[in-house]
Amino acid sequence: MGRKTVIAGNWKMFKTRAEAAELVEALKREVEGYDEVDVIVCPAFTSLSRVSELLQGSTIQLGAQDVYWEDEGAYTGQISVRMLLDSGCRYVILGHSERRQYFNETDEGVNRKLKKVLESPLVPIVCIGETLDEREAGRVAEVVLGQLKAAVESLTADEVSRIIVAYEPVWAIGTGRTATPEIAEEVHSMIRQWLAEAFSEELSASIRILYGGSVKPSNVVELMAQPDLDGALVGGASLDAQTFAKIVKY
């Protein structure tokens, strides 16, 4: 059984509840019943419950963009795993480069969040990736594998087997620059090799590794043709139902 492709849309800080509802209704018309890939949408926290209601009985699944590592408490502005489950989520993005870049997300923080998420039924999508400076300095392996190693620190193989990894070169996010299929495959292959060495060939072969960074209908076919690319974490192109549907049905 091969790894099933995942196409996830990260809506970031876009869409009011009404706009999110409109987008998801349009998306359902475009991709409902299409089960060749796992389709996930990740709206802002304020729209999760509304989108969840609209996805009842749908093949499209719901994810969140972040979560905190405590169950509850005096953590103003934070959202817990329990709250996400209560809102209908099945997936959650952790360690997105924008969280790292703008909100001081650390490798240790990603590890703490990941441990908390793995105590629940939620499936984590763990993001890793290098900046342009790091790539040009020849530090891709050091940075990307360093982030992955830190994220899964002290986790068991069984826990790691439940993770989806997303490789997102920071220099390709929202810039219109996309890693060539060859560059993406090189890093994905490196990630898979590390997982095989750190855990097992079997675990490495089963884990889905997504690519994120200016994925569009025009480049998705080439990207998905690479043997170690198991899907895409889509940003801007997920905000339009027809465009996102073209990526889903590549």
Protein backbone atom coordinates (compact mmCIF):
# COMPACT_ATOMS: atom_id res chain seq x y z
CA MET A 1 0.00 0.00 0.00
CA GLY A 2 1.56 3.28 -1.10
CA ARG A 3 1.48 6.53 0.83
CA LYS A 4 -1.76 8.41 0.16
CA THR A 5 -1.20 11.94 -1.12
CA VAL A 6 -2.20 14.83 1.15
CA ILE A 7 -3.22 18.25 -0.17
CA ALA A 8 -3.66 20.66 2.73
CA GLY A 9 -4.70 24.31 2.47
CA ASN A 10 -3.30 26.72 5.06
CA TRP A 11 -5.59 29.75 4.98
CA LYS A 12 -3.32 31.73 7.33
CA MET A 13 -4.85 35.04 8.54
CA PHE A 14 -7.46 35.27 5.80
CA LYS A 15 -11.26 34.88 5.66
CA THR A 16 -13.96 35.95 8.09
CA ARG A 17 -16.49 33.28 9.15
CA ALA A 18 -18.80 34.22 6.27
CA GLU A 19 -15.94 34.20 3.76
CA ALA A 20 -14.65 30.89 5.11
CA ALA A 21 -18.13 29.38 4.77
CA GLU A 22 -18.37 30.64 1.19
CA LEU A 23 -14.95 29.18 0.34
CA VAL A 24 -15.67 25.79 1.86
CA GLU A 25 -19.07 25.52 0.14
CA ALA A 26 -17.39 26.30 -3.19
CA LEU A 27 -14.63 23.80 -2.43
CA LYS A 28 -17.17 21.09 -1.67
CA ARG A 29 -18.74 21.63 -5.07
CA GLU A 30 -15.32 21.23 -6.70
CA VAL A 31 -13.81 18.25 -4.86
CA GLU A 32 -16.54 16.51 -2.83
CA GLY A 33 -16.29 12.74 -3.17
CA TYR A 34 -12.84 12.94 -4.77
CA ASP A 35 -10.95 10.46 -2.62
CA GLU A 36 -7.71 10.00 -4.57
CA VAL A 37 -6.03 12.31 -2.04
CA ASP A 38 -6.61 13.39 1.56
CA VAL A 39 -7.90 16.98 1.36
CA ILE A 40 -7.46 19.18 4.45
CA VAL A 41 -8.36 22.83 5.05
CA CYS A 42 -6.88 24.87 7.91
CA PRO A 43 -8.90 28.04 8.55
CA ALA A 44 -8.25 30.66 11.26
CA PHE A 45 -9.36 29.67 14.78
CA THR A 46 -12.46 31.90 14.57
CA SER A 47 -13.81 29.94 11.60
CA LEU A 48 -13.07 26.37 12.75
CA SER A 49 -16.49 25.60 14.25
CA ARG A 50 -18.39 27.08 11.30
CA VAL A 51 -16.27 25.22 8.73
CA SER A 52 -16.56 22.02 10.78
CA GLU A 53 -20.38 22.25 10.62
CA LEU A 54 -20.24 22.68 6.85
CA LEU A 55 -17.88 19.71 6.46
CA GLN A 56 -20.14 17.25 8.30
CA GLY A 57 -20.29 14.12 6.15
CA SER A 58 -17.76 15.57 3.71
CA THR A 59 -14.55 13.94 2.46
CA ILE A 60 -12.73 17.23 3.17
CA GLN A 61 -11.06 17.23 6.59
CA LEU A 62 -10.41 20.05 9.06
CA GLY A 63 -7.12 21.22 10.52
CA ALA A 64 -5.89 24.11 12.67
CA GLN A 65 -2.87 26.35 12.15
CA ASP A 66 -1.31 26.05 15.63
CA VAL A 67 -1.95 24.88 19.19
CA TYR A 68 -0.50 25.35 22.70
CA TRP A 69 1.08 22.63 24.81
CA GLU A 70 -0.94 23.12 28.02
CA ASP A 71 -4.38 21.59 28.62
CA GLU A 72 -5.81 24.82 30.04
CA GLY A 73 -4.83 27.77 32.21
CA ALA A 74 -3.93 31.46 32.30
CA TYR A 75 -2.44 31.58 28.80
CA THR A 76 -4.16 34.55 27.19
CA GLY A 77 -4.65 34.13 23.45
CA GLN A 78 -3.72 30.45 23.35
CA ILE A 79 -5.78 27.47 22.13
CA SER A 80 -5.59 23.94 23.55
CA VAL A 81 -5.73 20.51 21.90
CA ARG A 82 -9.09 19.90 23.60
CA MET A 83 -10.50 23.11 22.11
CA LEU A 84 -9.36 22.03 18.63
CA LEU A 85 -10.98 18.61 19.01
CA ASP A 86 -14.14 20.30 20.29
CA SER A 87 -14.12 22.48 17.15
CA GLY A 88 -14.02 19.39 14.92
CA CYS A 89 -10.33 19.36 13.98
CA ARG A 90 -8.50 16.22 12.93
CA TYR A 91 -5.17 17.83 12.00
CA VAL A 92 -2.96 20.64 13.29
CA ILE A 93 0.02 22.45 11.74
CA LEU A 94 3.04 22.83 14.05
CA GLY A 95 6.19 24.90 13.62
CA HIS A 96 5.21 26.75 10.46
CA SER A 97 8.07 29.03 9.38
CA GLU A 98 5.86 32.09 9.90
CA ARG A 99 5.34 31.01 13.52
CA ARG A 100 9.10 30.58 13.88
CA GLN A 101 9.92 33.84 12.08
CA TYR A 102 7.33 36.24 13.53
CA PHE A 103 6.32 34.70 16.85
CA ASN A 104 9.60 33.30 18.16
CA GLU A 105 8.53 29.67 17.85
CA THR A 106 11.47 27.52 18.93
CA ASP A 107 12.42 23.91 18.19
CA GLU A 108 11.78 23.17 21.87
CA GLY A 109 8.31 24.71 21.62
CA VAL A 110 7.51 22.59 18.56
CA ASN A 111 8.63 19.50 20.48
CA ARG A 112 6.41 20.36 23.46
CA LYS A 113 3.42 21.00 21.19
CA LEU A 114 4.05 17.79 19.29
CA LYS A 115 4.15 15.71 22.48
CA LYS A 116 0.86 17.24 23.63
CA VAL A 117 -0.81 16.68 20.24
CA LEU A 118 0.31 13.03 20.19
CA GLU A 119 -1.55 12.43 23.46
CA SER A 120 -4.72 13.10 21.43
CA PRO A 121 -6.29 11.77 18.20
CA LEU A 122 -5.08 14.87 16.30
CA VAL A 123 -2.61 14.30 13.45
CA PRO A 124 0.29 16.79 13.54
CA ILE A 125 1.73 18.34 10.37
CA VAL A 126 5.25 19.32 11.43
CA CYS A 127 6.91 22.04 9.32
CA ILE A 128 10.65 22.33 8.76
CA GLY A 129 12.69 24.36 6.28
CA GLU A 130 15.67 26.62 5.67
CA THR A 131 15.99 30.31 4.81
CA LEU A 132 17.70 31.57 1.65
CA ASP A 133 20.79 32.59 3.65
CA GLU A 134 21.02 29.12 5.17
CA ARG A 135 20.66 27.48 1.75
CA GLU A 136 23.30 29.71 0.18
CA ALA A 137 25.64 28.96 3.09
CA GLY A 138 25.31 25.23 2.34
CA ARG A 139 23.53 24.53 5.63
CA VAL A 140 20.33 22.89 4.30
CA ALA A 141 20.96 19.46 5.85
CA GLU A 142 22.12 20.94 9.15
CA VAL A 143 19.09 23.23 9.49
CA VAL A 144 16.34 20.99 8.14
CA LEU A 145 17.47 17.79 9.87
CA GLY A 146 18.28 19.79 13.01
CA GLN A 147 14.69 21.08 13.15
CA LEU A 148 13.28 17.60 12.55
CA LYS A 149 15.54 15.96 15.14
CA ALA A 150 14.59 18.61 17.72
CA ALA A 151 10.87 18.24 16.92
CA VAL A 152 10.86 14.47 17.53
CA GLU A 153 13.25 14.58 20.51
CA SER A 154 12.41 11.81 23.03
CA LEU A 155 9.45 10.51 20.99
CA THR A 156 8.98 6.79 20.38
CA ALA A 157 8.93 5.28 16.90
CA ASP A 158 5.21 4.60 17.37
CA GLU A 159 4.59 8.29 18.09
CA VAL A 160 6.74 9.45 15.17
CA SER A 161 4.84 7.12 12.83
CA ARG A 162 1.71 9.28 13.34
CA ILE A 163 3.38 12.48 12.12
CA ILE A 164 3.08 14.15 8.72
CA VAL A 165 6.21 16.16 7.86
CA ALA A 166 6.04 19.29 5.70
CA TYR A 167 9.23 20.58 4.08
CA GLU A 168 8.81 24.29 3.44
CA PRO A 169 11.84 26.19 2.21
CA VAL A 170 11.28 29.62 3.77
CA TRP A 171 12.62 31.35 0.65
CA ALA A 172 9.77 29.85 -1.41
CA ILE A 173 6.82 30.75 0.86
CA GLY A 174 4.67 33.50 -0.58
CA THR A 175 7.53 34.70 -2.76
CA GLY A 176 6.39 33.07 -5.99
CA ARG A 177 9.71 31.21 -6.01
CA THR A 178 9.27 27.46 -5.90
CA ALA A 179 11.97 24.92 -5.23
CA THR A 180 12.54 22.98 -8.45
CA PRO A 181 11.16 19.45 -8.28
CA GLU A 182 14.77 18.24 -8.12
CA ILE A 183 15.66 20.51 -5.17
CA ALA A 184 12.48 19.48 -3.34
CA GLU A 185 13.13 15.77 -3.99
CA GLU A 186 16.72 16.08 -2.78
CA VAL A 187 15.57 17.43 0.60
CA HIS A 188 12.61 15.04 0.90
CA SER A 189 14.91 12.11 0.18
CA MET A 190 17.35 13.37 2.82
CA ILE A 191 14.52 13.63 5.39
CA ARG A 192 13.36 10.09 4.58
CA GLN A 193 16.91 8.78 4.86
CA TRP A 194 17.32 10.40 8.28
CA LEU A 195 14.04 8.86 9.48
CA ALA A 196 15.22 5.45 8.28
CA GLU A 197 18.50 5.80 10.19
CA ALA A 198 16.93 7.30 13.33
CA PHE A 199 13.99 4.88 13.47
CA SER A 200 13.55 2.24 10.75
CA GLU A 201 13.21 1.75 6.98
CA GLU A 202 9.63 0.65 7.54
CA LEU A 203 8.69 3.80 9.47
CA SER A 204 10.52 6.01 6.97
CA ALA A 205 8.69 4.40 4.04
CA SER A 206 5.29 4.97 5.68
CA ILE A 207 5.64 8.65 6.67
CA ARG A 208 4.13 11.23 4.37
CA ILE A 209 6.34 14.21 3.57
CA LEU A 210 4.61 17.23 2.03
CA TYR A 211 6.14 20.11 0.11
CA GLY A 212 5.12 23.70 0.79
CA GLY A 213 6.23 26.88 -0.93
CA SER A 214 4.31 28.60 -3.74
CA VAL A 215 2.58 25.42 -4.94
CA LYS A 216 0.27 26.25 -7.85
CA PRO A 217 -1.73 24.36 -10.52
CA SER A 218 1.14 25.11 -12.93
CA ASN A 219 3.82 23.33 -10.89
CA VAL A 220 1.98 20.71 -8.83
CA VAL A 221 2.20 17.91 -11.41
CA GLU A 222 5.98 18.14 -11.68
CA LEU A 223 6.39 18.36 -7.92
CA MET A 224 4.10 15.42 -7.18
CA ALA A 225 5.92 13.28 -9.76
CA GLN A 226 8.93 13.11 -7.41
CA PRO A 227 9.13 9.77 -5.55
CA ASP A 228 9.49 11.25 -2.05
CA LEU A 229 6.89 14.04 -2.34
CA ASP A 230 3.62 12.84 -0.82
CA GLY A 231 1.56 15.97 -1.19
CA ALA A 232 1.53 19.71 -0.64
CA LEU A 233 0.88 22.26 2.08
CA VAL A 234 -0.65 25.05 0.02
CA GLY A 235 -0.83 28.68 1.11
CA GLY A 236 -2.13 31.44 -1.16
CA ALA A 237 -3.49 29.09 -3.82
CA SER A 238 -5.79 27.45 -1.24
CA LEU A 239 -7.77 30.67 -0.82
CA ASP A 240 -9.56 30.21 -4.15
CA ALA A 241 -11.76 27.12 -4.51
CA GLN A 242 -11.15 26.53 -8.22
CA THR A 243 -7.40 27.03 -7.97
CA PHE A 244 -7.15 24.74 -4.93
CA ALA A 245 -9.35 22.14 -6.65
CA LYS A 246 -6.95 22.09 -9.61
CA ILE A 247 -4.11 21.29 -7.21
CA VAL A 248 -6.18 18.60 -5.46
CA LYS A 249 -7.06 16.96 -8.79
CA TYR A 250 -3.62 17.39 -10.36
